[in-house]
Amino acid sequence: MATDFDLEVIERAFVEAAIDPTKWNAAMDVVARATGCVGALLFDTDSRLQGIPQSESVAGATESYINGGWVERDVRYGVVPLFARKAVATDLDLFTADQIARHPYYQEFLAPHGLRWCACVKVASGGCLWSLSLQRSIEQGPFSPAQLLTLANLSRRLGTASAMSRMLGFARVDAALDAFETSRTAAIVFDARGNVLRLNALAERMLNGAVRIIGMRLSSYDRNASNAFDRSLKKILLGTPTSAVTEPVALPRPGQFPILAYVLGLKSIAFNPLAPGQAVAVLIDPETASKPEQATIQACFSLSVAESKLAHRLASGGSLEEVAKACGISYQTARNQLKAIFSKTGTHRQSELVALLSGLCHVPGKTA
């Protein structure tokens, strides 16, 4: 097989994807063609993020990888320690050819898809380490020493594209936080590992001894609440690109109503695997949060008086049971009214309704 790979076209595809994150899958198609491989993928070596960029040719194998549980049994993650001293690692750095011929990962997972050999090219992105995985068929055989030298050169060249991606990613994070600040919304951006990346001034002022950032993690003095938030964040980070928002997590505070944290996935907008920010938590303080006027809610969505009263109270983030008691109605009546509100507002969950109503707090001519 030829030893010349078109590194320039690969580098250009990475730069274009860094600027426009919607082009990452197309970039993987370019990589596969430029290296003569069956397919290509880009994945984080420190996590099991789904929805990673991949060429169309390996979509079927990726589906089997996830559904068959191979994502948790991927022996190729063993190449990661080798990245400390070499830019490219292959299957033969982990196993002999005889071991590969008998290993379940290769025979039960890869072989049915006609795949066997792989070269993992290191892509350094700030403190993160990504791998450009080049997939070859059984017939193509392993990469030659000359090809591996060429791919090592590619690793160095992709450093520029990854740096650009992170730079643009930070710029987008700052712009998003500015937008949240302008709309008077407290927000915290998290990286792919669930660590706090940035937060706006409103979020910073909301955090205190009961809810604060410890070791780059958002934490509550209540361990169960902290664990619940971590699960919510993990659900978004490890979910598919269609994962958009989770149910709110209550972060308790002594003598006060809890802060409500809504976690949203940024990759549902445009997934950039090298971007620093992968999720955002919107924080709502029920004691200080602005609520739209009941008349405004009623007029905007053609609600009945009873429905607008319920929606007005739900806008503070309280549970349906609490709001039902405050309105002097049964829980079942409140449920029926909420179903009607969902229908008229085009929402499906209470979290979506609260997010929608919060936007009415700043309609022209109104003050918080």
Protein backbone atom coordinates (compact mmCIF):
# COMPACT_ATOMS: atom_id res chain seq x y z
CA MET A 1 0.00 0.00 0.00
CA ALA A 2 1.27 3.53 -0.72
CA THR A 3 3.15 5.32 2.03
CA ASP A 4 2.14 8.82 0.95
CA PHE A 5 -0.84 10.24 2.78
CA ASP A 6 -2.31 13.64 1.90
CA LEU A 7 -1.58 15.39 5.20
CA GLU A 8 -2.42 18.83 3.89
CA VAL A 9 -5.99 17.92 3.03
CA ILE A 10 -6.41 16.30 6.47
CA GLU A 11 -5.04 19.36 8.25
CA ARG A 12 -7.30 21.63 6.21
CA ALA A 13 -10.36 19.50 7.06
CA PHE A 14 -9.50 19.74 10.78
CA VAL A 15 -9.17 23.53 10.59
CA GLU A 16 -12.50 23.84 8.76
CA ALA A 17 -14.19 21.66 11.39
CA ALA A 18 -12.63 23.71 14.18
CA ILE A 19 -14.25 26.81 12.69
CA ASP A 20 -17.54 25.08 11.84
CA PRO A 21 -18.20 22.16 14.26
CA THR A 22 -20.95 20.77 12.02
CA LYS A 23 -18.19 19.57 9.66
CA TRP A 24 -16.49 17.07 12.01
CA ASN A 25 -18.08 13.96 10.49
CA ALA A 26 -17.20 15.24 7.02
CA ALA A 27 -13.63 15.75 8.24
CA MET A 28 -13.47 12.07 9.22
CA ASP A 29 -14.59 11.13 5.68
CA VAL A 30 -11.73 13.25 4.35
CA VAL A 31 -9.26 11.53 6.69
CA ALA A 32 -10.39 8.07 5.57
CA ARG A 33 -9.97 8.94 1.89
CA ALA A 34 -6.63 10.70 2.38
CA THR A 35 -5.13 7.72 4.20
CA GLY A 36 -6.80 4.98 2.17
CA CYS A 37 -8.47 3.55 5.28
CA VAL A 38 -11.87 1.97 5.67
CA GLY A 39 -12.87 4.64 8.16
CA ALA A 40 -11.77 7.17 10.75
CA LEU A 41 -12.98 8.32 14.18
CA LEU A 42 -11.94 10.98 16.68
CA PHE A 43 -12.38 10.14 20.37
CA ASP A 44 -11.44 11.38 23.80
CA THR A 45 -8.96 8.97 25.41
CA ASP A 46 -10.17 9.83 28.90
CA SER A 47 -13.90 9.22 28.48
CA ARG A 48 -16.52 7.21 26.61
CA LEU A 49 -18.36 10.07 24.92
CA GLN A 50 -20.98 8.92 22.46
CA GLY A 51 -21.78 10.82 19.28
CA ILE A 52 -18.08 11.19 18.46
CA PRO A 53 -17.05 12.31 14.96
CA GLN A 54 -16.80 9.39 12.56
CA SER A 55 -16.77 8.67 8.87
CA GLU A 56 -20.01 7.30 7.45
CA SER A 57 -18.28 4.06 6.49
CA VAL A 58 -17.91 2.91 10.12
CA ALA A 59 -21.37 3.93 11.36
CA GLY A 60 -22.52 0.31 11.48
CA ALA A 61 -19.47 -0.80 13.43
CA THR A 62 -19.92 2.09 15.87
CA GLU A 63 -23.52 1.07 16.49
CA SER A 64 -22.39 -2.47 17.32
CA TYR A 65 -19.60 -1.03 19.46
CA ILE A 66 -22.15 0.75 21.67
CA ASN A 67 -25.06 -1.69 21.60
CA GLY A 68 -22.82 -4.71 22.06
CA GLY A 69 -21.14 -3.25 25.14
CA TRP A 70 -17.72 -3.12 23.48
CA VAL A 71 -17.47 0.54 24.48
CA GLU A 72 -16.70 -0.73 27.99
CA ARG A 73 -14.36 -3.49 26.75
CA ASP A 74 -12.30 -1.57 24.24
CA VAL A 75 -8.78 -2.96 24.60
CA ARG A 76 -7.41 -0.30 22.27
CA TYR A 77 -7.55 2.23 25.10
CA GLY A 78 -4.37 0.44 26.17
CA VAL A 79 -2.48 2.59 23.65
CA VAL A 80 -3.11 5.75 25.71
CA PRO A 81 -0.05 5.36 28.02
CA LEU A 82 2.10 4.97 24.90
CA PHE A 83 1.13 8.48 23.77
CA ALA A 84 3.48 9.85 26.44
CA ARG A 85 6.47 8.78 24.35
CA LYS A 86 5.19 8.24 20.81
CA ALA A 87 2.76 10.06 18.54
CA VAL A 88 1.25 6.94 16.96
CA ALA A 89 0.36 3.55 18.42
CA THR A 90 -1.08 0.44 16.82
CA ASP A 91 -2.61 -2.89 17.78
CA LEU A 92 0.82 -4.51 17.46
CA ASP A 93 2.05 -2.30 20.33
CA LEU A 94 -0.45 -4.14 22.53
CA PHE A 95 -0.67 -7.67 21.17
CA THR A 96 1.12 -10.09 18.88
CA ALA A 97 -0.50 -11.10 15.60
CA ASP A 98 -1.34 -14.50 17.12
CA GLN A 99 -3.04 -12.88 20.13
CA ILE A 100 -5.05 -10.62 17.83
CA ALA A 101 -6.17 -13.68 15.84
CA ARG A 102 -7.69 -15.16 19.02
CA HIS A 103 -8.84 -12.07 20.93
CA PRO A 104 -12.65 -11.63 21.30
CA TYR A 105 -12.46 -7.89 20.61
CA TYR A 106 -10.96 -8.51 17.18
CA GLN A 107 -12.81 -11.71 16.30
CA GLU A 108 -16.27 -11.10 17.78
CA PHE A 109 -16.58 -7.36 17.28
CA LEU A 110 -14.27 -6.21 14.48
CA ALA A 111 -14.17 -9.25 12.19
CA PRO A 112 -17.93 -9.27 11.37
CA HIS A 113 -17.46 -5.72 10.07
CA GLY A 114 -14.40 -6.67 8.02
CA LEU A 115 -12.11 -4.64 10.30
CA ARG A 116 -8.87 -5.64 12.01
CA TRP A 117 -6.03 -3.11 12.06
CA CYS A 118 -5.84 0.36 13.53
CA ALA A 119 -3.42 3.24 13.99
CA CYS A 120 -4.18 5.73 16.78
CA VAL A 121 -2.75 9.18 16.09
CA LYS A 122 -2.28 11.44 19.12
CA VAL A 123 -4.13 14.77 18.95
CA ALA A 124 -3.20 16.99 21.90
CA SER A 125 -5.90 19.52 22.80
CA GLY A 126 -4.96 21.62 25.82
CA GLY A 127 -5.13 19.33 28.84
CA CYS A 128 -7.14 16.79 26.84
CA LEU A 129 -5.78 13.95 24.78
CA TRP A 130 -7.68 12.84 21.70
CA SER A 131 -6.98 9.98 19.33
CA LEU A 132 -7.56 9.98 15.59
CA SER A 133 -8.36 6.32 15.00
CA LEU A 134 -7.65 5.06 11.48
CA GLN A 135 -9.43 1.77 10.73
CA ARG A 136 -8.14 -0.81 8.24
CA SER A 137 -9.68 -3.98 6.90
CA ILE A 138 -8.38 -7.50 7.43
CA GLU A 139 -7.11 -7.59 3.85
CA GLN A 140 -5.25 -4.26 4.06
CA GLY A 141 -3.03 -5.49 6.86
CA PRO A 142 -1.21 -3.38 9.49
CA PHE A 143 0.42 -0.03 8.79
CA SER A 144 4.02 -0.12 7.57
CA PRO A 145 6.88 1.60 9.48
CA ALA A 146 7.07 4.28 6.76
CA GLN A 147 3.36 4.99 7.08
CA LEU A 148 3.66 5.27 10.85
CA LEU A 149 6.41 7.87 10.46
CA THR A 150 4.11 9.87 8.18
CA LEU A 151 1.30 9.63 10.73
CA ALA A 152 3.65 10.83 13.47
CA ASN A 153 4.20 13.94 11.36
CA LEU A 154 0.41 14.27 11.06
CA SER A 155 0.13 14.23 14.86
CA ARG A 156 2.42 17.25 15.12
CA ARG A 157 0.56 19.12 12.37
CA LEU A 158 -2.84 18.54 13.95
CA GLY A 159 -1.66 20.32 17.08
CA THR A 160 -2.30 23.66 15.34
CA ALA A 161 -5.86 22.72 14.43
CA SER A 162 -6.62 21.47 17.94
CA ALA A 163 -5.22 24.67 19.46
CA MET A 164 -7.42 26.73 17.11
CA SER A 165 -10.44 24.62 18.04
CA ARG A 166 -9.88 25.22 21.75
CA MET A 167 -9.27 28.93 21.23
CA LEU A 168 -12.52 29.30 19.29
CA GLY A 169 -14.25 27.07 21.81
CA PHE A 170 -13.25 29.32 24.71
CA ALA A 171 -14.42 32.35 22.72
CA ARG A 172 -17.82 30.68 22.24
CA VAL A 173 -17.99 29.80 25.94
CA ASP A 174 -17.29 33.41 26.92
CA ALA A 175 -19.86 34.67 24.42
CA ALA A 176 -22.46 32.24 25.76
CA LEU A 177 -21.79 33.28 29.35
CA ASP A 178 -22.07 36.95 28.36
CA ALA A 179 -25.43 36.18 26.77
CA PHE A 180 -26.61 34.41 29.92
CA GLU A 181 -25.43 37.37 32.00
CA THR A 182 -27.29 39.83 29.76
CA SER A 183 -30.47 37.79 30.16
CA ARG A 184 -29.91 37.77 33.93
CA THR A 185 -29.35 34.02 34.06
CA ALA A 186 -26.74 32.35 36.28
CA ALA A 187 -24.77 29.78 34.26
CA ILE A 188 -21.79 27.47 34.68
CA VAL A 189 -20.00 25.77 31.76
CA PHE A 190 -18.44 22.33 32.23
CA ASP A 191 -15.83 20.41 30.25
CA ALA A 192 -16.14 16.83 29.01
CA ARG A 193 -15.05 15.46 32.41
CA GLY A 194 -17.65 17.39 34.36
CA ASN A 195 -15.18 19.93 35.72
CA VAL A 196 -16.20 23.58 36.02
CA LEU A 197 -14.68 25.48 33.13
CA ARG A 198 -16.14 28.98 33.44
CA LEU A 199 -19.05 30.69 35.20
CA ASN A 200 -20.62 34.10 34.90
CA ALA A 201 -20.85 36.73 37.64
CA LEU A 202 -24.45 35.87 38.49
CA ALA A 203 -23.55 32.24 39.17
CA GLU A 204 -20.52 33.29 41.19
CA ARG A 205 -22.69 35.47 43.43
CA MET A 206 -25.21 32.66 43.89
CA LEU A 207 -22.64 30.20 45.21
CA ASN A 208 -22.00 30.22 48.95
CA GLY A 209 -21.03 27.81 51.70
CA ALA A 210 -23.96 25.46 51.04
CA VAL A 211 -23.52 25.33 47.25
CA ARG A 212 -20.01 25.97 45.95
CA ILE A 213 -17.22 24.76 43.69
CA ILE A 214 -14.83 22.29 45.32
CA GLY A 215 -11.97 20.81 43.32
CA MET A 216 -13.49 22.09 40.06
CA ARG A 217 -16.80 20.30 40.83
CA LEU A 218 -20.14 21.93 41.63
CA SER A 219 -21.03 20.63 45.09
CA SER A 220 -23.73 20.92 47.71
CA TYR A 221 -23.27 20.46 51.43
CA ASP A 222 -25.80 17.65 50.95
CA ARG A 223 -23.85 14.72 49.50
CA ASN A 224 -26.97 13.16 47.97
CA ALA A 225 -27.69 16.39 46.10
CA SER A 226 -24.09 16.52 44.84
CA ASN A 227 -24.35 12.93 43.62
CA ALA A 228 -27.68 13.67 41.94
CA PHE A 229 -26.15 16.63 40.10
CA ASP A 230 -23.15 14.55 39.01
CA ARG A 231 -25.50 11.89 37.61
CA SER A 232 -27.48 14.53 35.75
CA LEU A 233 -24.30 16.03 34.29
CA LYS A 234 -22.94 12.61 33.35
CA LYS A 235 -26.22 11.74 31.63
CA ILE A 236 -25.82 14.77 29.37
CA LEU A 237 -22.09 14.32 28.74
CA LEU A 238 -22.41 10.64 27.88
CA GLY A 239 -25.71 10.93 26.05
CA THR A 240 -26.38 11.13 22.33
CA PRO A 241 -26.17 14.47 20.52
CA THR A 242 -29.96 14.78 20.86
CA SER A 243 -29.72 14.96 24.63
CA ALA A 244 -30.75 18.53 25.40
CA VAL A 245 -31.78 19.11 29.01
CA THR A 246 -32.27 17.15 32.23
CA GLU A 247 -34.85 17.51 34.97
CA PRO A 248 -33.82 20.10 37.58
CA VAL A 249 -31.63 19.04 40.49
CA ALA A 250 -32.36 20.69 43.86
CA LEU A 251 -29.23 21.87 45.67
CA PRO A 252 -30.33 22.48 49.30
CA ARG A 253 -29.44 25.51 51.40
CA PRO A 254 -30.14 25.73 55.18
CA GLY A 255 -33.06 28.04 55.90
CA GLN A 256 -33.67 28.80 52.22
CA PHE A 257 -35.31 27.24 49.20
CA PRO A 258 -32.83 25.08 47.25
CA ILE A 259 -31.08 26.31 44.14
CA LEU A 260 -32.44 24.55 41.05
CA ALA A 261 -29.83 23.39 38.53
CA TYR A 262 -30.84 22.58 34.95
CA VAL A 263 -28.10 20.84 32.91
CA LEU A 264 -28.09 21.35 29.15
CA GLY A 265 -25.88 19.67 26.56
CA LEU A 266 -23.98 22.00 24.24
CA LYS A 267 -23.37 19.25 21.68
CA SER A 268 -27.06 19.23 20.81
CA ILE A 269 -26.34 22.56 19.10
CA ALA A 270 -23.06 21.75 17.35
CA PHE A 271 -20.78 19.09 18.77
CA ASN A 272 -17.15 20.09 18.65
CA PRO A 273 -15.09 17.24 20.13
CA LEU A 274 -12.09 19.48 20.78
CA ALA A 275 -14.09 22.34 22.30
CA PRO A 276 -13.50 22.99 26.00
CA GLY A 277 -17.16 23.47 26.92
CA GLN A 278 -19.50 20.47 26.59
CA ALA A 279 -22.35 21.26 29.00
CA VAL A 280 -23.89 24.19 30.86
CA ALA A 281 -25.84 24.31 34.12
CA VAL A 282 -28.43 27.07 34.47
CA LEU A 283 -28.99 27.96 38.13
CA ILE A 284 -32.28 29.35 39.41
CA ASP A 285 -32.78 30.79 42.89
CA PRO A 286 -36.53 30.55 43.63
CA GLU A 287 -36.21 33.29 46.25
CA THR A 288 -34.84 35.89 43.88
CA ALA A 289 -35.81 34.63 40.41
CA SER A 290 -38.05 36.93 38.42
CA LYS A 291 -41.44 35.61 37.42
CA PRO A 292 -43.55 36.77 34.52
CA GLU A 293 -46.86 38.34 35.51
CA GLN A 294 -49.86 36.04 35.52
CA ALA A 295 -51.68 38.24 33.01
CA THR A 296 -48.69 38.03 30.65
CA ILE A 297 -48.70 34.23 30.79
CA GLN A 298 -52.44 34.08 30.23
CA ALA A 299 -52.34 36.42 27.24
CA CYS A 300 -49.32 34.81 25.56
CA PHE A 301 -50.64 31.25 25.58
CA SER A 302 -54.43 31.71 25.78
CA LEU A 303 -54.59 29.99 29.15
CA SER A 304 -57.59 29.97 31.46
CA VAL A 305 -57.37 31.92 34.71
CA ALA A 306 -56.78 28.71 36.67
CA GLU A 307 -54.15 27.48 34.23
CA SER A 308 -52.30 30.82 34.22
CA LYS A 309 -52.35 30.84 38.04
CA LEU A 310 -50.78 27.38 38.13
CA ALA A 311 -48.20 28.27 35.46
CA HIS A 312 -47.34 31.50 37.30
CA ARG A 313 -46.52 29.58 40.46
CA LEU A 314 -44.64 26.85 38.57
CA ALA A 315 -42.40 29.55 37.07
CA SER A 316 -40.66 29.75 40.46
CA GLY A 317 -39.54 26.15 40.10
CA GLY A 318 -41.66 24.58 42.81
CA SER A 319 -42.92 21.01 42.57
CA LEU A 320 -46.40 20.39 41.20
CA GLU A 321 -47.53 19.03 44.58
CA GLU A 322 -46.37 22.18 46.39
CA VAL A 323 -47.99 24.45 43.83
CA ALA A 324 -51.26 22.50 43.98
CA LYS A 325 -51.44 23.07 47.73
CA ALA A 326 -50.63 26.78 47.30
CA CYS A 327 -53.41 27.09 44.72
CA GLY A 328 -55.88 25.23 46.94
CA ILE A 329 -56.55 22.45 44.42
CA SER A 330 -56.02 18.70 44.40
CA TYR A 331 -52.90 17.17 42.91
CA GLN A 332 -54.98 15.44 40.22
CA THR A 333 -56.61 18.73 39.23
CA ALA A 334 -53.17 20.32 39.03
CA ARG A 335 -51.98 17.47 36.80
CA ASN A 336 -54.93 17.96 34.46
CA GLN A 337 -54.32 21.69 34.28
CA LEU A 338 -50.60 21.10 33.65
CA LYS A 339 -51.43 18.80 30.72
CA ALA A 340 -53.55 21.58 29.23
CA ILE A 341 -50.71 24.06 29.78
CA PHE A 342 -48.24 21.73 28.05
CA SER A 343 -50.59 21.47 25.08
CA LYS A 344 -51.06 25.22 24.76
CA THR A 345 -47.38 26.12 25.26
CA GLY A 346 -45.94 23.31 23.12
CA THR A 347 -43.87 21.96 26.01
CA HIS A 348 -43.71 18.40 27.33
CA ARG A 349 -42.00 18.64 30.73
CA GLN A 350 -42.09 21.02 33.66
CA SER A 351 -38.44 21.93 33.10
CA GLU A 352 -39.22 23.01 29.52
CA LEU A 353 -42.20 25.05 30.73
CA VAL A 354 -40.12 26.86 33.38
CA ALA A 355 -37.42 27.65 30.81
CA LEU A 356 -40.06 29.01 28.42
CA LEU A 357 -41.77 31.14 31.06
CA SER A 358 -38.44 32.56 32.26
CA GLY A 359 -38.07 34.21 28.87
CA LEU A 360 -41.21 36.25 29.57
CA CYS A 361 -39.53 37.96 32.49
CA HIS A 362 -37.75 40.35 30.15
CA VAL A 363 -40.38 41.24 27.57
CA PRO A 364 -40.21 44.88 26.41
CA GLY A 365 -41.79 47.26 28.87
CA LYS A 366 -41.43 44.87 31.82
CA THR A 367 -38.93 45.05 34.63
CA ALA A 368 -37.73 42.19 36.78
